[in-house]
Amino acid sequence: MTRQPLVARRAEELLGTSVIATAPVAGGDIATATRLRLSDGTTALMKTLPHAPEDFFTDEAAGLRWLGEATAAGGAPVPEVLGADHECVIIRWIEPGKQSIDAAATFGRELAATHAAGADTFGAESDGYIGKLPLPNRPADSWGEFYAVRRVLPYLKLARDRGAAEDQDAATIEALVAKLPGLVPDEPPSRLHGDLWNGNVLWGLDGRVWMIDPAAYGGHREADLAMLTLFGLPHLPRVLDAYAEACSDTRPLADGWQDRAALHQIFPLLVHACHFGGGYAARAAQAAATYL
């Protein structure tokens, strides 16, 4: 590791600790990631993004802290936030390790505990971000309403505005919206990661599975589970089996939850359509059509 003076100086201002060395970290799709070695022996990860919205990184930090509250009660681990402001966020470094069946089973049980920690409402106190896109979180009385007006419709409109959704596909998704309240079983809001795809799941050297880069809010737990299945996850069947087993005695998953995965995947598919275009809106429409 060498030392990038500008990066090191910014981290030192925020942390009040000397930075001995820095090194770029590959793999980030949005922010620039830098590994830091601090004078107190701590290794950290610093994320920066030029011209980011003022609350971009502080919102991520708040989401990590909120999810971290559940970790103490057996929830899935998230990195400790060391510092955050409008320019960056710095979290404790998690050393990557190997994927394993045992770690997958533990993650399933811990994710169930995170969800069980609950939320005050469907939504959150403030809006957030998913990728680079704003994430509306104004609370709603039910998941069906929240999913329709805070998740599906805003990103469908944005996808159409960006030319990423055909009129026929949009019409199919819009036809589903009115039916949403009757398609998902009622249950109290869970504490969601909010963007729990494979890229935001880190298999640690410590044998645990860590959740990173959240878009946290209170929602239906099936949404996180559906996100996990959308783009694949190593040992996913073991994760889901362990999850279902962990909550079977206290708050079992409603019958048919696997069949509703595509319903909850419409939102992330529309987000991808907004970010990348391609055929994601058509995939969202195909998912919607199965429930019409």
Protein backbone atom coordinates (compact mmCIF):
# COMPACT_ATOMS: atom_id res chain seq x y z
CA MET A 1 0.00 0.00 0.00
CA THR A 2 1.16 3.50 -0.85
CA ARG A 3 -0.32 6.75 0.42
CA GLN A 4 -2.59 9.02 -1.63
CA PRO A 5 -2.16 12.40 0.09
CA LEU A 6 -5.54 13.91 -0.78
CA VAL A 7 -7.51 10.82 0.17
CA ALA A 8 -5.48 10.31 3.32
CA ARG A 9 -5.89 13.92 4.40
CA ARG A 10 -9.67 13.81 3.96
CA ALA A 11 -9.91 10.59 5.99
CA GLU A 12 -7.71 12.04 8.73
CA GLU A 13 -9.92 15.12 8.98
CA LEU A 14 -13.00 12.97 9.39
CA LEU A 15 -11.56 10.31 11.70
CA GLY A 16 -9.01 12.28 13.72
CA THR A 17 -6.54 9.45 13.14
CA SER A 18 -3.43 9.30 10.96
CA VAL A 19 -3.59 7.30 7.72
CA ILE A 20 -0.44 5.29 7.16
CA ALA A 21 -1.24 3.86 3.74
CA THR A 22 -3.95 3.74 1.08
CA ALA A 23 -4.76 1.42 -1.82
CA PRO A 24 -7.47 1.48 -4.50
CA VAL A 25 -10.14 -1.22 -4.30
CA ALA A 26 -11.62 -2.59 -7.51
CA GLY A 27 -15.22 -3.59 -8.03
CA GLY A 28 -17.29 -0.55 -7.10
CA ASP A 29 -19.93 0.30 -9.70
CA ILE A 30 -20.80 3.75 -8.33
CA ALA A 31 -18.35 5.13 -5.78
CA THR A 32 -14.57 5.09 -5.75
CA ALA A 33 -13.34 2.75 -3.01
CA THR A 34 -10.02 3.08 -1.18
CA ARG A 35 -8.55 0.82 1.48
CA LEU A 36 -7.01 2.68 4.42
CA ARG A 37 -4.53 1.53 7.03
CA LEU A 38 -4.80 3.71 10.11
CA SER A 39 -2.15 4.42 12.73
CA ASP A 40 -4.19 2.66 15.44
CA GLY A 41 -4.04 -0.61 13.49
CA THR A 42 -7.53 -0.34 12.00
CA THR A 43 -8.10 -1.19 8.34
CA ALA A 44 -10.98 0.72 6.77
CA LEU A 45 -12.76 1.27 3.48
CA MET A 46 -13.42 4.79 2.26
CA LYS A 47 -16.01 5.49 -0.45
CA THR A 48 -16.12 8.75 -2.38
CA LEU A 49 -18.14 10.05 -5.32
CA PRO A 50 -17.58 13.42 -7.00
CA HIS A 51 -20.61 15.71 -6.93
CA ALA A 52 -22.67 13.26 -4.86
CA PRO A 53 -25.89 14.61 -3.31
CA GLU A 54 -25.25 16.15 0.11
CA ASP A 55 -26.98 13.31 1.98
CA PHE A 56 -25.76 10.47 -0.25
CA PHE A 57 -23.14 9.07 2.13
CA THR A 58 -24.76 10.09 5.39
CA ASP A 59 -27.88 8.22 4.28
CA GLU A 60 -25.82 5.08 3.66
CA ALA A 61 -24.22 5.46 7.08
CA ALA A 62 -27.62 5.84 8.74
CA GLY A 63 -28.85 2.69 7.00
CA LEU A 64 -25.83 0.70 8.15
CA ARG A 65 -26.28 1.88 11.73
CA TRP A 66 -30.00 1.04 11.67
CA LEU A 67 -29.31 -2.46 10.38
CA GLY A 68 -26.45 -2.74 12.86
CA GLU A 69 -28.88 -2.29 15.74
CA ALA A 70 -30.33 -5.68 14.80
CA THR A 71 -26.91 -7.33 14.73
CA ALA A 72 -26.69 -7.13 18.52
CA ALA A 73 -29.89 -9.19 18.67
CA GLY A 74 -28.58 -11.88 16.33
CA GLY A 75 -29.13 -10.11 13.03
CA ALA A 76 -26.89 -10.28 9.98
CA PRO A 77 -23.67 -8.30 10.41
CA VAL A 78 -22.96 -5.01 8.64
CA PRO A 79 -19.70 -3.05 8.66
CA GLU A 80 -19.18 -0.55 11.46
CA VAL A 81 -19.41 3.07 10.34
CA LEU A 82 -16.27 4.95 11.37
CA GLY A 83 -17.24 8.28 9.87
CA ALA A 84 -19.41 9.92 7.23
CA ASP A 85 -20.17 13.33 5.78
CA HIS A 86 -21.37 14.81 2.48
CA GLU A 87 -18.14 13.80 0.71
CA CYS A 88 -17.53 10.23 1.84
CA VAL A 89 -18.27 7.33 4.15
CA ILE A 90 -15.63 5.30 5.97
CA ILE A 91 -16.44 1.83 7.29
CA ARG A 92 -14.43 -0.89 8.98
CA TRP A 93 -12.78 -3.20 6.43
CA ILE A 94 -14.22 -6.70 6.02
CA GLU A 95 -11.66 -9.17 4.74
CA PRO A 96 -13.21 -11.32 2.00
CA GLY A 97 -13.24 -15.09 2.49
CA LYS A 98 -14.70 -18.25 1.02
CA GLN A 99 -18.33 -19.13 0.41
CA SER A 100 -19.60 -22.09 2.42
CA ILE A 101 -22.78 -23.98 3.21
CA ASP A 102 -22.35 -23.30 6.93
CA ALA A 103 -21.95 -19.56 6.39
CA ALA A 104 -25.02 -19.57 4.12
CA ALA A 105 -27.13 -21.26 6.79
CA THR A 106 -25.97 -18.79 9.43
CA PHE A 107 -26.75 -15.90 7.11
CA GLY A 108 -30.27 -17.20 6.56
CA ARG A 109 -30.92 -17.32 10.29
CA GLU A 110 -29.33 -13.93 10.90
CA LEU A 111 -31.28 -12.30 8.07
CA ALA A 112 -34.48 -13.57 9.67
CA ALA A 113 -33.41 -11.89 12.91
CA THR A 114 -32.67 -8.61 11.09
CA HIS A 115 -36.13 -8.62 9.56
CA ALA A 116 -37.69 -9.51 12.90
CA ALA A 117 -36.14 -6.39 14.46
CA GLY A 118 -38.91 -4.59 12.62
CA ALA A 119 -39.58 -1.00 11.63
CA ASP A 120 -42.02 1.67 12.76
CA THR A 121 -43.72 1.90 9.38
CA PHE A 122 -43.62 0.92 5.74
CA GLY A 123 -41.03 3.43 4.59
CA ALA A 124 -38.57 5.57 6.51
CA GLU A 125 -38.18 8.98 8.12
CA SER A 126 -36.36 10.32 5.08
CA ASP A 127 -35.83 9.47 1.44
CA GLY A 128 -32.70 7.60 0.42
CA TYR A 129 -30.87 6.28 -2.62
CA ILE A 130 -30.67 3.05 -4.56
CA GLY A 131 -27.58 3.14 -6.71
CA LYS A 132 -27.43 6.76 -7.84
CA LEU A 133 -31.21 7.12 -7.99
CA PRO A 134 -33.34 8.82 -5.32
CA LEU A 135 -35.42 6.37 -3.27
CA PRO A 136 -38.77 7.76 -2.04
CA ASN A 137 -39.54 6.50 1.46
CA ARG A 138 -42.53 8.55 2.63
CA PRO A 139 -44.49 6.12 4.85
CA ALA A 140 -47.69 4.40 3.77
CA ASP A 141 -50.30 2.47 5.74
CA SER A 142 -49.80 -0.84 3.96
CA TRP A 143 -47.14 -2.63 1.98
CA GLY A 144 -49.40 -2.87 -1.07
CA GLU A 145 -49.79 0.90 -1.15
CA PHE A 146 -46.13 1.58 -0.40
CA TYR A 147 -44.89 -0.87 -3.02
CA ALA A 148 -47.20 0.62 -5.64
CA VAL A 149 -46.66 4.35 -5.09
CA ARG A 150 -43.09 4.46 -3.68
CA ARG A 151 -41.45 1.64 -5.59
CA VAL A 152 -43.14 0.49 -8.80
CA LEU A 153 -44.76 3.66 -10.20
CA PRO A 154 -41.87 6.15 -9.67
CA TYR A 155 -39.34 3.92 -11.42
CA LEU A 156 -41.76 2.95 -14.16
CA LYS A 157 -42.24 6.66 -14.90
CA LEU A 158 -38.49 7.28 -14.86
CA ALA A 159 -37.86 4.30 -17.13
CA ARG A 160 -40.42 5.64 -19.61
CA ASP A 161 -38.94 9.14 -19.43
CA ARG A 162 -35.51 7.69 -20.22
CA GLY A 163 -36.83 5.61 -23.11
CA ALA A 164 -36.06 2.38 -21.26
CA ALA A 165 -39.65 1.04 -21.13
CA GLU A 166 -41.97 0.39 -24.06
CA ASP A 167 -45.57 1.58 -23.81
CA GLN A 168 -46.94 -1.96 -23.90
CA ASP A 169 -44.67 -3.08 -21.07
CA ALA A 170 -45.61 -0.01 -19.02
CA ALA A 171 -49.30 -0.73 -19.53
CA THR A 172 -48.87 -4.28 -18.27
CA ILE A 173 -47.12 -3.07 -15.10
CA GLU A 174 -49.69 -0.33 -14.53
CA ALA A 175 -52.48 -2.89 -14.80
CA LEU A 176 -50.91 -4.82 -11.94
CA VAL A 177 -50.64 -1.84 -9.60
CA ALA A 178 -54.34 -1.78 -8.67
CA LYS A 179 -54.15 -5.46 -7.74
CA LEU A 180 -51.10 -5.22 -5.50
CA PRO A 181 -52.94 -4.82 -2.15
CA GLY A 182 -54.66 -8.16 -2.67
CA LEU A 183 -51.60 -10.07 -3.84
CA VAL A 184 -49.31 -9.76 -0.80
CA PRO A 185 -50.33 -11.04 2.65
CA ASP A 186 -50.48 -8.44 5.41
CA GLU A 187 -47.78 -8.45 8.05
CA PRO A 188 -45.94 -5.84 10.13
CA PRO A 189 -43.04 -3.97 8.47
CA SER A 190 -39.67 -5.67 8.63
CA ARG A 191 -36.22 -4.09 8.83
CA LEU A 192 -35.02 -4.41 5.23
CA HIS A 193 -31.59 -4.05 3.66
CA GLY A 194 -33.47 -2.84 0.59
CA ASP A 195 -30.92 -3.69 -2.12
CA LEU A 196 -29.95 -7.20 -1.15
CA TRP A 197 -28.57 -8.62 -4.37
CA ASN A 198 -25.48 -10.79 -4.69
CA GLY A 199 -23.14 -7.82 -5.13
CA ASN A 200 -24.15 -6.44 -1.72
CA VAL A 201 -23.49 -9.71 0.09
CA LEU A 202 -19.90 -10.15 1.26
CA TRP A 203 -18.57 -13.53 2.38
CA GLY A 204 -16.04 -12.71 5.08
CA LEU A 205 -12.82 -14.40 6.10
CA ASP A 206 -14.37 -14.70 9.57
CA GLY A 207 -16.90 -17.19 8.20
CA ARG A 208 -19.82 -14.78 8.36
CA VAL A 209 -21.86 -13.23 5.56
CA TRP A 210 -21.96 -9.43 5.71
CA MET A 211 -24.51 -7.06 4.20
CA ILE A 212 -23.08 -3.93 2.57
CA ASP A 213 -24.34 -0.91 0.59
CA PRO A 214 -27.91 -0.83 1.93
CA ALA A 215 -30.95 1.12 0.81
CA ALA A 216 -32.60 0.43 4.14
CA TYR A 217 -36.27 1.03 5.02
CA GLY A 218 -39.25 -0.69 6.61
CA GLY A 219 -40.96 -3.06 4.20
CA HIS A 220 -42.19 -6.56 3.46
CA ARG A 221 -39.52 -9.17 4.15
CA GLU A 222 -40.40 -11.02 0.94
CA ALA A 223 -38.84 -8.07 -0.92
CA ASP A 224 -35.34 -8.80 0.45
CA LEU A 225 -35.75 -12.53 -0.22
CA ALA A 226 -36.88 -11.85 -3.78
CA MET A 227 -33.90 -9.58 -4.37
CA LEU A 228 -31.56 -12.36 -3.28
CA THR A 229 -33.02 -14.70 -5.89
CA LEU A 230 -33.05 -12.19 -8.75
CA PHE A 231 -29.40 -12.34 -9.77
CA GLY A 232 -28.37 -15.48 -7.90
CA LEU A 233 -26.40 -16.09 -4.71
CA PRO A 234 -24.04 -18.93 -3.81
CA HIS A 235 -25.80 -21.58 -1.70
CA LEU A 236 -29.08 -19.66 -2.01
CA PRO A 237 -31.32 -22.69 -1.29
CA ARG A 238 -29.54 -23.19 2.05
CA VAL A 239 -29.93 -19.50 2.89
CA LEU A 240 -33.66 -19.60 2.21
CA ASP A 241 -34.20 -22.91 4.01
CA ALA A 242 -32.38 -21.64 7.10
CA TYR A 243 -34.34 -18.40 6.97
CA ALA A 244 -37.68 -20.22 6.82
CA GLU A 245 -36.64 -22.57 9.64
CA ALA A 246 -35.54 -19.66 11.85
CA CYS A 247 -38.87 -17.86 11.68
CA SER A 248 -41.15 -20.92 11.54
CA ASP A 249 -42.08 -20.82 15.23
CA THR A 250 -42.48 -17.07 15.70
CA ARG A 251 -43.59 -15.53 12.40
CA PRO A 252 -43.61 -18.11 9.61
CA LEU A 253 -43.51 -16.99 6.02
CA ALA A 254 -46.95 -16.92 4.42
CA ASP A 255 -47.88 -19.73 2.06
CA GLY A 256 -46.78 -19.08 -1.50
CA TRP A 257 -43.93 -16.73 -0.67
CA GLN A 258 -41.69 -18.38 -3.27
CA ASP A 259 -44.36 -17.81 -5.93
CA ARG A 260 -44.45 -14.10 -5.09
CA ALA A 261 -40.74 -13.57 -5.68
CA ALA A 262 -41.33 -12.29 -9.22
CA LEU A 263 -43.86 -9.79 -7.87
CA HIS A 264 -41.24 -8.22 -5.63
CA GLN A 265 -38.62 -8.35 -8.38
CA ILE A 266 -40.55 -5.87 -10.52
CA PHE A 267 -39.12 -2.97 -8.51
CA PRO A 268 -35.41 -3.88 -8.80
CA LEU A 269 -35.89 -4.73 -12.48
CA LEU A 270 -37.30 -1.24 -13.05
CA VAL A 271 -34.38 0.26 -11.13
CA HIS A 272 -32.03 -1.60 -13.46
CA ALA A 273 -34.01 -0.35 -16.44
CA CYS A 274 -33.50 3.22 -15.20
CA HIS A 275 -29.78 2.66 -14.67
CA PHE A 276 -28.89 0.49 -17.65
CA GLY A 277 -31.81 0.33 -20.10
CA GLY A 278 -31.69 -2.92 -22.00
CA GLY A 279 -34.45 -5.45 -21.53
CA TYR A 280 -35.05 -4.96 -17.81
CA ALA A 281 -38.41 -3.22 -18.22
CA ALA A 282 -39.58 -6.03 -20.49
CA ARG A 283 -38.57 -8.52 -17.80
CA ALA A 284 -40.52 -6.51 -15.24
CA ALA A 285 -43.57 -6.60 -17.51
CA GLN A 286 -43.23 -10.35 -17.95
CA ALA A 287 -43.19 -10.74 -14.17
CA ALA A 288 -46.23 -8.50 -13.82
CA ALA A 289 -48.15 -10.42 -16.47
CA THR A 290 -48.00 -13.62 -14.39
CA TYR A 291 -50.22 -11.98 -11.74
CA LEU A 292 -52.85 -10.50 -14.08
